[in-house]
């Protein structure tokens, strides 16, 4: 491998390991202390925010880990240039829009 790609790859490996270990640690702590967490999660009032914050923390750590794994495997998003939208064609002269009509049956 060339030198620049090796330099770029090293931080990705360290981030992947960091987020992987952090993810495993979070799962381990939450499974081992699930009874204590349930006491706090079910108290209500301000404690009702704890499950939501927990989900956000898990989501962030897992997404960072997954993103770094994909980058490490070489899967990157394509950066396509957006296609310009064609200009609207003017309506030919002499044509009108259809008008709604109301009929009353008597």
C-alpha atoms as a PDB file:
ATOM      1  CA  UNK A   1       0.000   0.000   0.000  1.00  0.00           C
ATOM      2  CA  UNK A   2       1.103   3.536  -0.570  1.00  0.00           C
ATOM      3  CA  UNK A   3       2.059   5.808   2.276  1.00  0.00           C
ATOM      4  CA  UNK A   4      -0.935   8.263   2.144  1.00  0.00           C
ATOM      5  CA  UNK A   5      -3.583   5.540   2.303  1.00  0.00           C
ATOM      6  CA  UNK A   6      -1.779   3.902   5.239  1.00  0.00           C
ATOM      7  CA  UNK A   7      -1.806   7.203   7.123  1.00  0.00           C
ATOM      8  CA  UNK A   8      -5.524   7.640   6.439  1.00  0.00           C
ATOM      9  CA  UNK A   9      -6.319   4.064   7.413  1.00  0.00           C
ATOM     10  CA  UNK A  10      -4.650   4.192  10.854  1.00  0.00           C
ATOM     11  CA  UNK A  11      -7.141   6.631  12.457  1.00  0.00           C
ATOM     12  CA  UNK A  12     -10.050   4.621  11.024  1.00  0.00           C
ATOM     13  CA  UNK A  13      -8.713   1.434  12.629  1.00  0.00           C
ATOM     14  CA  UNK A  14      -8.244   3.120  16.002  1.00  0.00           C
ATOM     15  CA  UNK A  15     -11.719   4.703  15.864  1.00  0.00           C
ATOM     16  CA  UNK A  16     -13.256   1.367  14.894  1.00  0.00           C
ATOM     17  CA  UNK A  17     -11.591  -0.394  17.811  1.00  0.00           C
ATOM     18  CA  UNK A  18     -12.556   2.418  20.203  1.00  0.00           C
ATOM     19  CA  UNK A  19     -16.226   2.447  19.219  1.00  0.00           C
ATOM     20  CA  UNK A  20     -16.354  -1.354  19.115  1.00  0.00           C
ATOM     21  CA  UNK A  21     -14.983  -1.638  22.654  1.00  0.00           C
ATOM     22  CA  UNK A  22     -17.289   1.162  23.827  1.00  0.00           C
ATOM     23  CA  UNK A  23     -20.282  -0.587  22.262  1.00  0.00           C
ATOM     24  CA  UNK A  24     -19.406  -3.903  23.902  1.00  0.00           C
ATOM     25  CA  UNK A  25     -18.878  -2.169  27.243  1.00  0.00           C
ATOM     26  CA  UNK A  26     -22.257  -0.432  27.023  1.00  0.00           C
ATOM     27  CA  UNK A  27     -24.058  -3.678  26.194  1.00  0.00           C
ATOM     28  CA  UNK A  28     -22.255  -5.493  28.992  1.00  0.00           C
ATOM     29  CA  UNK A  29     -23.052  -2.830  31.568  1.00  0.00           C
ATOM     30  CA  UNK A  30     -26.683  -2.584  30.571  1.00  0.00           C
ATOM     31  CA  UNK A  31     -27.199  -6.357  30.634  1.00  0.00           C
ATOM     32  CA  UNK A  32     -25.395  -6.802  33.960  1.00  0.00           C
ATOM     33  CA  UNK A  33     -27.162  -3.917  35.688  1.00  0.00           C
ATOM     34  CA  UNK A  34     -30.564  -4.234  34.037  1.00  0.00           C
ATOM     35  CA  UNK A  35     -32.426  -4.562  37.354  1.00  0.00           C
ATOM     36  CA  UNK A  36     -30.889  -1.342  38.698  1.00  0.00           C
ATOM     37  CA  UNK A  37     -31.617   0.472  35.446  1.00  0.00           C
ATOM     38  CA  UNK A  38     -35.238  -0.651  35.463  1.00  0.00           C
ATOM     39  CA  UNK A  39     -35.695   0.909  38.895  1.00  0.00           C
ATOM     40  CA  UNK A  40     -34.537   4.274  37.590  1.00  0.00           C
ATOM     41  CA  UNK A  41     -36.195   4.011  34.175  1.00  0.00           C
ATOM     42  CA  UNK A  42     -39.622   3.375  35.713  1.00  0.00           C
ATOM     43  CA  UNK A  43     -39.574   6.107  38.380  1.00  0.00           C
ATOM     44  CA  UNK A  44     -41.220   8.689  36.154  1.00  0.00           C
ATOM     45  CA  UNK A  45     -40.917  12.479  36.329  1.00  0.00           C
ATOM     46  CA  UNK A  46     -37.415  13.522  35.217  1.00  0.00           C
ATOM     47  CA  UNK A  47     -36.213   9.914  35.144  1.00  0.00           C
ATOM     48  CA  UNK A  48     -38.444   9.326  32.111  1.00  0.00           C
ATOM     49  CA  UNK A  49     -35.735  10.983  29.995  1.00  0.00           C
ATOM     50  CA  UNK A  50     -33.185   8.281  30.891  1.00  0.00           C
ATOM     51  CA  UNK A  51     -34.451   5.631  28.433  1.00  0.00           C
ATOM     52  CA  UNK A  52     -34.531   8.209  25.646  1.00  0.00           C
ATOM     53  CA  UNK A  53     -30.989   9.368  26.400  1.00  0.00           C
ATOM     54  CA  UNK A  54     -29.880   5.742  26.559  1.00  0.00           C
ATOM     55  CA  UNK A  55     -31.310   5.037  23.125  1.00  0.00           C
ATOM     56  CA  UNK A  56     -29.562   8.103  21.688  1.00  0.00           C
ATOM     57  CA  UNK A  57     -26.248   7.026  23.251  1.00  0.00           C
ATOM     58  CA  UNK A  58     -26.553   3.482  21.854  1.00  0.00           C
ATOM     59  CA  UNK A  59     -27.574   4.840  18.470  1.00  0.00           C
ATOM     60  CA  UNK A  60     -24.605   7.210  18.281  1.00  0.00           C
ATOM     61  CA  UNK A  61     -22.029   4.632  19.373  1.00  0.00           C
ATOM     62  CA  UNK A  62     -23.381   1.899  17.118  1.00  0.00           C
ATOM     63  CA  UNK A  63     -23.644   4.219  14.100  1.00  0.00           C
ATOM     64  CA  UNK A  64     -20.084   5.484  14.586  1.00  0.00           C
ATOM     65  CA  UNK A  65     -18.814   1.915  14.899  1.00  0.00           C
ATOM     66  CA  UNK A  66     -20.726   0.730  11.812  1.00  0.00           C
ATOM     67  CA  UNK A  67     -19.594   3.725   9.751  1.00  0.00           C
ATOM     68  CA  UNK A  68     -15.961   3.106  10.629  1.00  0.00           C
ATOM     69  CA  UNK A  69     -16.283  -0.607   9.850  1.00  0.00           C
ATOM     70  CA  UNK A  70     -17.670   0.197   6.400  1.00  0.00           C
ATOM     71  CA  UNK A  71     -14.893   2.731   5.804  1.00  0.00           C
ATOM     72  CA  UNK A  72     -12.326   0.169   6.895  1.00  0.00           C
ATOM     73  CA  UNK A  73     -13.757  -2.316   4.397  1.00  0.00           C
ATOM     74  CA  UNK A  74     -13.538   0.303   1.645  1.00  0.00           C
ATOM     75  CA  UNK A  75     -17.245   0.902   1.178  1.00  0.00           C
ATOM     76  CA  UNK A  76     -17.752   4.620   0.653  1.00  0.00           C
ATOM     77  CA  UNK A  77     -20.794   6.574  -0.576  1.00  0.00           C
ATOM     78  CA  UNK A  78     -20.741   7.758  -4.146  1.00  0.00           C
ATOM     79  CA  UNK A  79     -20.637  11.491  -4.581  1.00  0.00           C
ATOM     80  CA  UNK A  80     -22.807  12.069  -7.616  1.00  0.00           C
ATOM     81  CA  UNK A  81     -23.332  15.562  -8.890  1.00  0.00           C
ATOM     82  CA  UNK A  82     -27.019  16.512  -8.859  1.00  0.00           C
ATOM     83  CA  UNK A  83     -28.531  16.684 -12.320  1.00  0.00           C
ATOM     84  CA  UNK A  84     -29.950  20.088 -13.231  1.00  0.00           C
ATOM     85  CA  UNK A  85     -33.698  20.098 -13.636  1.00  0.00           C
ATOM     86  CA  UNK A  86     -34.910  20.988 -17.105  1.00  0.00           C
ATOM     87  CA  UNK A  87     -36.621  24.329 -17.410  1.00  0.00           C
ATOM     88  CA  UNK A  88     -40.400  24.256 -17.629  1.00  0.00           C
ATOM     89  CA  UNK A  89     -41.670  24.479 -21.175  1.00  0.00           C
ATOM     90  CA  UNK A  90     -44.002  27.407 -21.794  1.00  0.00           C
ATOM     91  CA  UNK A  91     -47.578  26.575 -22.671  1.00  0.00           C
ATOM     92  CA  UNK A  92     -48.322  26.981 -26.359  1.00  0.00           C
ATOM     93  CA  UNK A  93     -50.311  30.100 -27.209  1.00  0.00           C
ATOM     94  CA  UNK A  94     -54.020  29.613 -27.667  1.00  0.00           C
ATOM     95  CA  UNK A  95     -54.433  26.735 -25.218  1.00  0.00           C
ATOM     96  CA  UNK A  96     -56.123  27.223 -21.918  1.00  0.00           C
ATOM     97  CA  UNK A  97     -56.270  25.238 -18.749  1.00  0.00           C
ATOM     98  CA  UNK A  98     -59.320  23.032 -18.317  1.00  0.00           C
ATOM     99  CA  UNK A  99     -61.868  24.702 -16.060  1.00  0.00           C
ATOM    100  CA  UNK A 100     -63.932  22.762 -13.535  1.00  0.00           C
ATOM    101  CA  UNK A 101     -67.672  22.723 -14.252  1.00  0.00           C
ATOM    102  CA  UNK A 102     -70.476  22.058 -11.858  1.00  0.00           C
ATOM    103  CA  UNK A 103     -73.767  20.509 -13.018  1.00  0.00           C
ATOM    104  CA  UNK A 104     -76.853  20.304 -10.881  1.00  0.00           C
ATOM    105  CA  UNK A 105     -79.255  17.514 -11.675  1.00  0.00           C
ATOM    106  CA  UNK A 106     -82.864  18.705 -11.366  1.00  0.00           C
END
